[in-house]
All heavy atoms as atom14 arrays in JSON, in Angstrom:
{
  "sequence": "IRSAIPTRHARAERARKENMPPTWEELGKLATEDPDLSAWGNYVFG",
  "atom14_mask": [
    [1, 1, 1, 1, 1, 1, 1, 1, 0, 0, 0, 0, 0, 0],
    [1, 1, 1, 1, 1, 1, 1, 1, 1, 1, 1, 0, 0, 0],
    [1, 1, 1, 1, 1, 1, 0, 0, 0, 0, 0, 0, 0, 0],
    [1, 1, 1, 1, 1, 0, 0, 0, 0, 0, 0, 0, 0, 0],
    [1, 1, 1, 1, 1, 1, 1, 1, 0, 0, 0, 0, 0, 0],
    [1, 1, 1, 1, 1, 1, 1, 0, 0, 0, 0, 0, 0, 0],
    [1, 1, 1, 1, 1, 1, 1, 0, 0, 0, 0, 0, 0, 0],
    [1, 1, 1, 1, 1, 1, 1, 1, 1, 1, 1, 0, 0, 0],
    [1, 1, 1, 1, 1, 1, 1, 1, 1, 1, 0, 0, 0, 0],
    [1, 1, 1, 1, 1, 0, 0, 0, 0, 0, 0, 0, 0, 0],
    [1, 1, 1, 1, 1, 1, 1, 1, 1, 1, 1, 0, 0, 0],
    [1, 1, 1, 1, 1, 0, 0, 0, 0, 0, 0, 0, 0, 0],
    [1, 1, 1, 1, 1, 1, 1, 1, 1, 0, 0, 0, 0, 0],
    [1, 1, 1, 1, 1, 1, 1, 1, 1, 1, 1, 0, 0, 0],
    [1, 1, 1, 1, 1, 0, 0, 0, 0, 0, 0, 0, 0, 0],
    [1, 1, 1, 1, 1, 1, 1, 1, 1, 1, 1, 0, 0, 0],
    [1, 1, 1, 1, 1, 1, 1, 1, 1, 0, 0, 0, 0, 0],
    [1, 1, 1, 1, 1, 1, 1, 1, 1, 0, 0, 0, 0, 0],
    [1, 1, 1, 1, 1, 1, 1, 1, 0, 0, 0, 0, 0, 0],
    [1, 1, 1, 1, 1, 1, 1, 1, 0, 0, 0, 0, 0, 0],
    [1, 1, 1, 1, 1, 1, 1, 0, 0, 0, 0, 0, 0, 0],
    [1, 1, 1, 1, 1, 1, 1, 0, 0, 0, 0, 0, 0, 0],
    [1, 1, 1, 1, 1, 1, 1, 0, 0, 0, 0, 0, 0, 0],
    [1, 1, 1, 1, 1, 1, 1, 1, 1, 1, 1, 1, 1, 1],
    [1, 1, 1, 1, 1, 1, 1, 1, 1, 0, 0, 0, 0, 0],
    [1, 1, 1, 1, 1, 1, 1, 1, 1, 0, 0, 0, 0, 0],
    [1, 1, 1, 1, 1, 1, 1, 1, 0, 0, 0, 0, 0, 0],
    [1, 1, 1, 1, 0, 0, 0, 0, 0, 0, 0, 0, 0, 0],
    [1, 1, 1, 1, 1, 1, 1, 1, 1, 0, 0, 0, 0, 0],
    [1, 1, 1, 1, 1, 1, 1, 1, 0, 0, 0, 0, 0, 0],
    [1, 1, 1, 1, 1, 0, 0, 0, 0, 0, 0, 0, 0, 0],
    [1, 1, 1, 1, 1, 1, 1, 0, 0, 0, 0, 0, 0, 0],
    [1, 1, 1, 1, 1, 1, 1, 1, 1, 0, 0, 0, 0, 0],
    [1, 1, 1, 1, 1, 1, 1, 1, 0, 0, 0, 0, 0, 0],
    [1, 1, 1, 1, 1, 1, 1, 0, 0, 0, 0, 0, 0, 0],
    [1, 1, 1, 1, 1, 1, 1, 1, 0, 0, 0, 0, 0, 0],
    [1, 1, 1, 1, 1, 1, 1, 1, 0, 0, 0, 0, 0, 0],
    [1, 1, 1, 1, 1, 1, 0, 0, 0, 0, 0, 0, 0, 0],
    [1, 1, 1, 1, 1, 0, 0, 0, 0, 0, 0, 0, 0, 0],
    [1, 1, 1, 1, 1, 1, 1, 1, 1, 1, 1, 1, 1, 1],
    [1, 1, 1, 1, 0, 0, 0, 0, 0, 0, 0, 0, 0, 0],
    [1, 1, 1, 1, 1, 1, 1, 1, 0, 0, 0, 0, 0, 0],
    [1, 1, 1, 1, 1, 1, 1, 1, 1, 1, 1, 1, 0, 0],
    [1, 1, 1, 1, 1, 1, 1, 0, 0, 0, 0, 0, 0, 0],
    [1, 1, 1, 1, 1, 1, 1, 1, 1, 1, 1, 0, 0, 0],
    [1, 1, 1, 1, 0, 0, 0, 0, 0, 0, 0, 0, 0, 0]
  ],
  "atom14_positions": [
    [[-21.41, 5.45, 6.42], [-20.45, 4.91, 7.21], [-20.41, 3.33, 7.04], [-19.47, 2.66, 7.05], [-20.62, 5.29, 8.7], [-20.23, 6.74, 8.92], [-19.7, 4.45, 9.71], [-20.53, 7.21, 10.22], [0.0, 0.0, 0.0], [0.0, 0.0, 0.0], [0.0, 0.0, 0.0], [0.0, 0.0, 0.0], [0.0, 0.0, 0.0], [0.0, 0.0, 0.0]],
    [[-21.65, 2.92, 6.74], [-21.74, 1.43, 6.57], [-20.97, 0.87, 5.4], [-20.4, -0.14, 5.45], [-23.38, 1.19, 6.37], [-23.61, -0.28, 5.95], [-25.06, -0.28, 5.46], [-25.25, 0.53, 4.28], [-26.52, 1.03, 3.91], [-27.64, 0.67, 4.67], [-26.58, 1.83, 2.92], [0.0, 0.0, 0.0], [0.0, 0.0, 0.0], [0.0, 0.0, 0.0]],
    [[-20.88, 1.78, 4.3], [-20.01, 1.43, 3.19], [-18.56, 1.8, 3.38], [-17.68, 1.11, 2.82], [-20.51, 2.19, 1.99], [-21.9, 1.75, 1.66], [0.0, 0.0, 0.0], [0.0, 0.0, 0.0], [0.0, 0.0, 0.0], [0.0, 0.0, 0.0], [0.0, 0.0, 0.0], [0.0, 0.0, 0.0], [0.0, 0.0, 0.0], [0.0, 0.0, 0.0]],
    [[-18.35, 2.78, 4.19], [-17.0, 3.28, 4.43], [-16.0, 2.54, 5.38], [-14.95, 2.24, 5.0], [-16.96, 4.78, 4.83], [0.0, 0.0, 0.0], [0.0, 0.0, 0.0], [0.0, 0.0, 0.0], [0.0, 0.0, 0.0], [0.0, 0.0, 0.0], [0.0, 0.0, 0.0], [0.0, 0.0, 0.0], [0.0, 0.0, 0.0], [0.0, 0.0, 0.0]],
    [[-16.71, 2.03, 6.4], [-15.92, 1.28, 7.46], [-16.35, -0.14, 7.58], [-17.55, -0.41, 7.72], [-16.16, 1.98, 8.84], [-15.74, 3.42, 8.74], [-15.31, 1.25, 9.9], [-16.1, 4.15, 10.15], [0.0, 0.0, 0.0], [0.0, 0.0, 0.0], [0.0, 0.0, 0.0], [0.0, 0.0, 0.0], [0.0, 0.0, 0.0], [0.0, 0.0, 0.0]],
    [[-15.49, -1.15, 7.37], [-15.87, -2.54, 7.37], [-16.21, -2.96, 8.74], [-15.83, -2.34, 9.72], [-14.63, -3.26, 6.84], [-13.47, -2.38, 7.09], [-14.01, -1.0, 7.04], [0.0, 0.0, 0.0], [0.0, 0.0, 0.0], [0.0, 0.0, 0.0], [0.0, 0.0, 0.0], [0.0, 0.0, 0.0], [0.0, 0.0, 0.0], [0.0, 0.0, 0.0]],
    [[-16.91, -4.11, 8.87], [-17.31, -4.7, 10.1], [-15.97, -5.12, 10.92], [-15.03, -5.58, 10.3], [-18.15, -6.01, 9.9], [-19.2, -5.55, 9.01], [-18.7, -6.51, 11.2], [0.0, 0.0, 0.0], [0.0, 0.0, 0.0], [0.0, 0.0, 0.0], [0.0, 0.0, 0.0], [0.0, 0.0, 0.0], [0.0, 0.0, 0.0], [0.0, 0.0, 0.0]],
    [[-16.0, -4.83, 12.32], [-14.9, -5.15, 12.98], [-14.7, -6.72, 13.06], [-15.7, -7.39, 13.13], [-15.0, -4.63, 14.41], [-13.95, -5.04, 15.34], [-14.07, -4.4, 16.73], [-13.02, -4.86, 17.6], [-13.11, -5.83, 18.51], [-14.2, -6.44, 18.58], [-12.13, -6.08, 19.33], [0.0, 0.0, 0.0], [0.0, 0.0, 0.0], [0.0, 0.0, 0.0]],
    [[-13.44, -7.1, 13.13], [-13.04, -8.57, 13.29], [-11.95, -8.54, 14.33], [-10.83, -8.11, 14.2], [-12.61, -9.07, 11.96], [-12.68, -10.56, 11.95], [-11.9, -11.42, 12.62], [-13.59, -11.39, 11.3], [-12.25, -12.68, 12.34], [-13.29, -12.74, 11.5], [0.0, 0.0, 0.0], [0.0, 0.0, 0.0], [0.0, 0.0, 0.0], [0.0, 0.0, 0.0]],
    [[-12.25, -9.11, 15.51], [-11.49, -9.12, 16.7], [-10.19, -9.85, 16.45], [-9.09, -9.41, 16.85], [-12.25, -9.8, 17.9], [0.0, 0.0, 0.0], [0.0, 0.0, 0.0], [0.0, 0.0, 0.0], [0.0, 0.0, 0.0], [0.0, 0.0, 0.0], [0.0, 0.0, 0.0], [0.0, 0.0, 0.0], [0.0, 0.0, 0.0], [0.0, 0.0, 0.0]],
    [[-10.2, -10.95, 15.62], [-9.03, -11.74, 15.47], [-8.0, -10.92, 14.63], [-6.82, -11.02, 14.83], [-9.32, -13.02, 14.72], [-8.2, -14.06, 14.53], [-8.6, -15.5, 14.18], [-9.48, -15.37, 12.94], [-10.27, -16.41, 12.59], [-10.28, -17.46, 13.29], [-11.0, -16.4, 11.46], [0.0, 0.0, 0.0], [0.0, 0.0, 0.0], [0.0, 0.0, 0.0]],
    [[-8.55, -10.15, 13.6], [-7.56, -9.3, 12.86], [-6.86, -8.24, 13.76], [-5.68, -8.1, 13.66], [-8.26, -8.71, 11.77], [0.0, 0.0, 0.0], [0.0, 0.0, 0.0], [0.0, 0.0, 0.0], [0.0, 0.0, 0.0], [0.0, 0.0, 0.0], [0.0, 0.0, 0.0], [0.0, 0.0, 0.0], [0.0, 0.0, 0.0], [0.0, 0.0, 0.0]],
    [[-7.6, -7.66, 14.7], [-7.01, -6.79, 15.69], [-6.01, -7.44, 16.6], [-4.96, -6.91, 16.83], [-8.12, -6.01, 16.48], [-8.89, -4.92, 15.74], [-9.77, -4.2, 16.64], [-9.82, -4.5, 17.94], [-10.6, -3.36, 16.23], [0.0, 0.0, 0.0], [0.0, 0.0, 0.0], [0.0, 0.0, 0.0], [0.0, 0.0, 0.0], [0.0, 0.0, 0.0]],
    [[-6.39, -8.49, 17.13], [-5.51, -9.35, 18.02], [-4.29, -9.69, 17.35], [-3.13, -9.56, 17.96], [-6.26, -10.55, 18.55], [-5.48, -11.2, 19.65], [-6.41, -12.12, 20.43], [-7.02, -13.11, 19.52], [-8.31, -13.09, 19.21], [-9.11, -12.24, 19.72], [-8.87, -14.08, 18.44], [0.0, 0.0, 0.0], [0.0, 0.0, 0.0], [0.0, 0.0, 0.0]],
    [[-4.33, -10.14, 16.09], [-3.09, -10.48, 15.33], [-2.16, -9.32, 15.16], [-1.02, -9.47, 15.15], [-3.58, -11.21, 14.11], [0.0, 0.0, 0.0], [0.0, 0.0, 0.0], [0.0, 0.0, 0.0], [0.0, 0.0, 0.0], [0.0, 0.0, 0.0], [0.0, 0.0, 0.0], [0.0, 0.0, 0.0], [0.0, 0.0, 0.0], [0.0, 0.0, 0.0]],
    [[-2.72, -8.27, 14.91], [-2.04, -6.99, 14.65], [-1.26, -6.53, 15.92], [-0.1, -6.1, 15.78], [-2.92, -5.89, 14.13], [-2.1, -4.64, 13.72], [-3.02, -3.57, 13.14], [-2.19, -2.42, 12.68], [-1.62, -2.34, 11.49], [-1.79, -3.31, 10.66], [-0.86, -1.34, 11.24], [0.0, 0.0, 0.0], [0.0, 0.0, 0.0], [0.0, 0.0, 0.0]],
    [[-2.02, -6.64, 16.97], [-1.29, -6.21, 18.29], [-0.18, -7.28, 18.79], [0.9, -6.86, 19.24], [-2.36, -6.15, 19.4], [-3.26, -5.01, 19.13], [-4.28, -5.0, 20.3], [-5.26, -3.85, 20.19], [-6.35, -3.93, 21.13], [0.0, 0.0, 0.0], [0.0, 0.0, 0.0], [0.0, 0.0, 0.0], [0.0, 0.0, 0.0], [0.0, 0.0, 0.0]],
    [[-0.31, -8.51, 18.42], [0.61, -9.54, 18.72], [1.82, -9.42, 17.78], [2.98, -9.76, 18.35], [0.06, -10.94, 18.7], [-1.07, -11.09, 19.76], [-1.74, -12.41, 19.63], [-1.43, -13.16, 18.61], [-2.52, -12.78, 20.39], [0.0, 0.0, 0.0], [0.0, 0.0, 0.0], [0.0, 0.0, 0.0], [0.0, 0.0, 0.0], [0.0, 0.0, 0.0]],
    [[1.68, -9.13, 16.54], [2.75, -9.01, 15.62], [2.59, -7.87, 14.71], [1.87, -7.93, 13.66], [2.8, -10.45, 14.83], [3.92, -10.45, 13.89], [4.95, -9.75, 14.04], [3.89, -11.32, 12.91], [0.0, 0.0, 0.0], [0.0, 0.0, 0.0], [0.0, 0.0, 0.0], [0.0, 0.0, 0.0], [0.0, 0.0, 0.0], [0.0, 0.0, 0.0]],
    [[3.2, -6.7, 15.07], [3.06, -5.46, 14.28], [3.63, -5.66, 12.88], [4.73, -6.06, 12.7], [3.76, -4.33, 15.1], [3.59, -2.97, 14.34], [1.82, -2.51, 14.34], [1.59, -2.33, 16.08], [0.0, 0.0, 0.0], [0.0, 0.0, 0.0], [0.0, 0.0, 0.0], [0.0, 0.0, 0.0], [0.0, 0.0, 0.0], [0.0, 0.0, 0.0]],
    [[2.9, -5.37, 11.88], [3.21, -5.58, 10.44], [4.4, -4.58, 10.14], [4.64, -3.58, 10.7], [1.99, -5.18, 9.74], [0.88, -5.37, 10.63], [1.4, -4.94, 11.97], [0.0, 0.0, 0.0], [0.0, 0.0, 0.0], [0.0, 0.0, 0.0], [0.0, 0.0, 0.0], [0.0, 0.0, 0.0], [0.0, 0.0, 0.0], [0.0, 0.0, 0.0]],
    [[5.21, -5.03, 9.22], [6.29, -4.19, 8.8], [5.97, -2.91, 8.05], [4.76, -2.79, 7.72], [7.18, -5.06, 7.87], [6.26, -6.08, 7.33], [5.26, -6.3, 8.49], [0.0, 0.0, 0.0], [0.0, 0.0, 0.0], [0.0, 0.0, 0.0], [0.0, 0.0, 0.0], [0.0, 0.0, 0.0], [0.0, 0.0, 0.0], [0.0, 0.0, 0.0]],
    [[6.77, -1.89, 7.74], [6.41, -0.78, 7.12], [6.26, -1.17, 5.58], [6.64, -2.29, 5.11], [7.54, 0.31, 7.14], [8.7, -0.12, 6.62], [7.82, 0.59, 8.65], [0.0, 0.0, 0.0], [0.0, 0.0, 0.0], [0.0, 0.0, 0.0], [0.0, 0.0, 0.0], [0.0, 0.0, 0.0], [0.0, 0.0, 0.0], [0.0, 0.0, 0.0]],
    [[5.75, -0.16, 4.84], [5.53, -0.44, 3.31], [6.87, -0.73, 2.69], [6.91, -1.63, 1.83], [4.93, 0.84, 2.67], [4.48, 0.67, 1.35], [3.35, 0.02, 0.82], [5.2, 1.05, 0.21], [3.29, -0.08, -0.49], [4.46, 0.57, -1.03], [6.42, 1.68, -0.12], [4.97, 0.82, -2.31], [6.94, 1.87, -1.4], [6.23, 1.5, -2.49]],
    [[7.94, 0.01, 2.99], [9.21, -0.28, 2.42], [9.71, -1.57, 2.77], [10.38, -2.2, 1.94], [10.23, 0.81, 2.78], [9.97, 2.1, 2.29], [8.92, 2.96, 3.03], [8.48, 2.5, 3.97], [8.69, 4.18, 2.44], [0.0, 0.0, 0.0], [0.0, 0.0, 0.0], [0.0, 0.0, 0.0], [0.0, 0.0, 0.0], [0.0, 0.0, 0.0]],
    [[9.5, -2.05, 3.98], [9.98, -3.41, 4.42], [9.13, -4.61, 3.82], [9.59, -5.68, 3.85], [9.91, -3.47, 5.98], [10.88, -2.49, 6.61], [10.65, -2.5, 8.13], [9.6, -2.93, 8.6], [11.54, -2.02, 8.8], [0.0, 0.0, 0.0], [0.0, 0.0, 0.0], [0.0, 0.0, 0.0], [0.0, 0.0, 0.0], [0.0, 0.0, 0.0]],
    [[7.94, -4.22, 3.25], [7.05, -5.37, 2.73], [7.73, -6.0, 1.46], [7.28, -7.12, 1.07], [5.71, -4.75, 2.51], [4.79, -4.48, 3.64], [3.67, -3.75, 3.28], [4.48, -5.83, 4.4], [0.0, 0.0, 0.0], [0.0, 0.0, 0.0], [0.0, 0.0, 0.0], [0.0, 0.0, 0.0], [0.0, 0.0, 0.0], [0.0, 0.0, 0.0]],
    [[8.6, -5.2, 0.84], [9.18, -5.74, -0.41], [10.46, -5.1, -0.71], [10.61, -3.99, -0.34], [0.0, 0.0, 0.0], [0.0, 0.0, 0.0], [0.0, 0.0, 0.0], [0.0, 0.0, 0.0], [0.0, 0.0, 0.0], [0.0, 0.0, 0.0], [0.0, 0.0, 0.0], [0.0, 0.0, 0.0], [0.0, 0.0, 0.0], [0.0, 0.0, 0.0]],
    [[11.24, -5.74, -1.47], [12.55, -5.16, -1.92], [12.3, -4.29, -3.1], [11.84, -4.57, -4.09], [13.56, -6.32, -2.34], [14.92, -5.78, -2.6], [15.96, -6.88, -2.94], [17.18, -6.37, -3.22], [18.23, -7.46, -3.62], [0.0, 0.0, 0.0], [0.0, 0.0, 0.0], [0.0, 0.0, 0.0], [0.0, 0.0, 0.0], [0.0, 0.0, 0.0]],
    [[12.64, -2.95, -2.78], [12.38, -1.88, -3.89], [13.51, -2.0, -4.93], [14.72, -2.11, -4.53], [12.36, -0.57, -3.22], [11.18, -0.33, -2.3], [11.25, 1.08, -1.73], [9.87, -0.55, -3.06], [0.0, 0.0, 0.0], [0.0, 0.0, 0.0], [0.0, 0.0, 0.0], [0.0, 0.0, 0.0], [0.0, 0.0, 0.0], [0.0, 0.0, 0.0]],
    [[13.1, -1.84, -6.17], [14.16, -1.79, -7.31], [14.92, -0.47, -7.18], [14.43, 0.58, -6.61], [13.49, -1.91, -8.61], [0.0, 0.0, 0.0], [0.0, 0.0, 0.0], [0.0, 0.0, 0.0], [0.0, 0.0, 0.0], [0.0, 0.0, 0.0], [0.0, 0.0, 0.0], [0.0, 0.0, 0.0], [0.0, 0.0, 0.0], [0.0, 0.0, 0.0]],
    [[16.14, -0.54, -7.56], [16.95, 0.71, -7.47], [16.53, 1.83, -8.39], [16.53, 3.03, -8.24], [18.43, 0.38, -7.66], [18.64, -0.3, -8.91], [18.9, -0.61, -6.5], [0.0, 0.0, 0.0], [0.0, 0.0, 0.0], [0.0, 0.0, 0.0], [0.0, 0.0, 0.0], [0.0, 0.0, 0.0], [0.0, 0.0, 0.0], [0.0, 0.0, 0.0]],
    [[16.14, 1.37, -9.71], [15.78, 2.29, -10.66], [14.29, 2.8, -10.52], [13.44, 2.09, -9.98], [15.97, 1.77, -12.13], [15.06, 0.56, -12.5], [15.58, -0.71, -11.92], [16.58, -0.73, -11.29], [14.91, -1.78, -12.26], [0.0, 0.0, 0.0], [0.0, 0.0, 0.0], [0.0, 0.0, 0.0], [0.0, 0.0, 0.0], [0.0, 0.0, 0.0]],
    [[14.01, 4.04, -10.94], [12.75, 4.55, -10.91], [11.86, 3.97, -12.0], [12.32, 3.57, -13.07], [12.72, 6.03, -11.04], [13.32, 6.78, -9.89], [13.32, 6.22, -8.74], [13.89, 7.89, -9.95], [0.0, 0.0, 0.0], [0.0, 0.0, 0.0], [0.0, 0.0, 0.0], [0.0, 0.0, 0.0], [0.0, 0.0, 0.0], [0.0, 0.0, 0.0]],
    [[10.49, 3.94, -11.79], [9.66, 3.37, -12.75], [9.79, 4.26, -14.03], [10.0, 5.58, -13.93], [8.2, 3.42, -12.19], [8.54, 3.5, -10.7], [9.79, 4.09, -10.58], [0.0, 0.0, 0.0], [0.0, 0.0, 0.0], [0.0, 0.0, 0.0], [0.0, 0.0, 0.0], [0.0, 0.0, 0.0], [0.0, 0.0, 0.0], [0.0, 0.0, 0.0]],
    [[9.5, 3.65, -15.21], [9.64, 4.32, -16.37], [8.21, 5.22, -16.61], [7.24, 4.63, -16.79], [9.7, 3.36, -17.55], [9.85, 4.08, -19.0], [10.08, 5.31, -18.95], [9.71, 3.35, -20.05], [0.0, 0.0, 0.0], [0.0, 0.0, 0.0], [0.0, 0.0, 0.0], [0.0, 0.0, 0.0], [0.0, 0.0, 0.0], [0.0, 0.0, 0.0]],
    [[8.41, 6.54, -16.7], [7.34, 7.44, -16.88], [7.36, 8.15, -18.14], [6.64, 9.11, -18.34], [7.23, 8.45, -15.74], [7.23, 7.96, -14.25], [7.25, 9.09, -13.23], [5.98, 7.23, -14.0], [0.0, 0.0, 0.0], [0.0, 0.0, 0.0], [0.0, 0.0, 0.0], [0.0, 0.0, 0.0], [0.0, 0.0, 0.0], [0.0, 0.0, 0.0]],
    [[8.15, 7.63, -19.05], [8.38, 8.41, -20.33], [7.05, 8.35, -21.25], [6.86, 9.26, -22.04], [9.53, 7.74, -21.13], [9.23, 6.37, -21.39], [0.0, 0.0, 0.0], [0.0, 0.0, 0.0], [0.0, 0.0, 0.0], [0.0, 0.0, 0.0], [0.0, 0.0, 0.0], [0.0, 0.0, 0.0], [0.0, 0.0, 0.0], [0.0, 0.0, 0.0]],
    [[6.17, 7.42, -21.03], [4.96, 7.34, -21.88], [4.01, 8.45, -21.7], [3.31, 8.8, -22.52], [4.26, 5.93, -21.55], [0.0, 0.0, 0.0], [0.0, 0.0, 0.0], [0.0, 0.0, 0.0], [0.0, 0.0, 0.0], [0.0, 0.0, 0.0], [0.0, 0.0, 0.0], [0.0, 0.0, 0.0], [0.0, 0.0, 0.0], [0.0, 0.0, 0.0]],
    [[4.13, 9.08, -20.44], [3.3, 10.33, -20.21], [3.73, 11.45, -21.07], [2.97, 12.37, -21.28], [3.37, 10.64, -18.66], [2.65, 9.64, -17.84], [3.33, 8.62, -17.15], [1.32, 9.48, -17.5], [2.4, 8.0, -16.4], [1.25, 8.48, -16.66], [0.22, 10.32, -17.87], [-0.01, 8.13, -16.1], [-0.95, 9.98, -17.31], [-1.07, 8.86, -16.54]],
    [[4.87, 11.38, -21.68], [5.34, 12.54, -22.42], [4.65, 12.47, -23.76], [4.76, 13.42, -24.57], [0.0, 0.0, 0.0], [0.0, 0.0, 0.0], [0.0, 0.0, 0.0], [0.0, 0.0, 0.0], [0.0, 0.0, 0.0], [0.0, 0.0, 0.0], [0.0, 0.0, 0.0], [0.0, 0.0, 0.0], [0.0, 0.0, 0.0], [0.0, 0.0, 0.0]],
    [[3.88, 11.35, -24.13], [3.15, 11.39, -25.41], [1.81, 12.14, -25.38], [1.2, 12.32, -26.36], [2.84, 10.02, -25.79], [4.05, 9.1, -26.08], [4.98, 9.63, -26.62], [3.99, 7.85, -25.76], [0.0, 0.0, 0.0], [0.0, 0.0, 0.0], [0.0, 0.0, 0.0], [0.0, 0.0, 0.0], [0.0, 0.0, 0.0], [0.0, 0.0, 0.0]],
    [[1.56, 12.72, -24.13], [0.33, 13.47, -23.98], [0.64, 14.92, -23.73], [1.72, 15.33, -23.15], [-0.46, 12.92, -22.79], [-0.96, 11.54, -23.07], [-0.15, 10.36, -22.79], [-2.23, 11.11, -23.61], [-0.56, 9.14, -23.05], [-2.67, 9.96, -23.85], [-1.8, 8.86, -23.57], [-2.2, 7.66, -23.87], [0.0, 0.0, 0.0], [0.0, 0.0, 0.0]],
    [[-0.15, 15.77, -24.24], [0.01, 17.27, -24.14], [0.12, 17.68, -22.58], [-0.84, 17.34, -21.93], [-1.03, 18.06, -24.92], [-0.72, 19.53, -24.75], [-1.04, 17.61, -26.35], [0.0, 0.0, 0.0], [0.0, 0.0, 0.0], [0.0, 0.0, 0.0], [0.0, 0.0, 0.0], [0.0, 0.0, 0.0], [0.0, 0.0, 0.0], [0.0, 0.0, 0.0]],
    [[1.24, 18.23, -22.22], [1.46, 18.72, -20.83], [1.51, 17.43, -19.84], [1.37, 17.62, -18.75], [0.4, 19.67, -20.32], [0.28, 20.78, -21.23], [-0.98, 21.13, -21.81], [1.27, 21.77, -21.25], [-1.09, 22.25, -22.55], [1.14, 22.87, -22.12], [-0.02, 23.1, -22.71], [0.0, 0.0, 0.0], [0.0, 0.0, 0.0], [0.0, 0.0, 0.0]],
    [[1.78, 16.23, -20.52], [1.84, 15.07, -19.69], [3.02, 15.01, -18.7], [2.89, 14.68, -17.48], [0.0, 0.0, 0.0], [0.0, 0.0, 0.0], [0.0, 0.0, 0.0], [0.0, 0.0, 0.0], [0.0, 0.0, 0.0], [0.0, 0.0, 0.0], [0.0, 0.0, 0.0], [0.0, 0.0, 0.0], [0.0, 0.0, 0.0], [0.0, 0.0, 0.0]]
  ]
}
């Protein structure tokens, strides 16, 4: 657990409660096109 859970920091918790962060989608403008996954086709069963 010492490696898994970082030490608590009260200021980080307080800042989060005062100003709830946006969702993952709201953190950045998503491109309309999907990422290019064609390179995986060069591998067998990719």
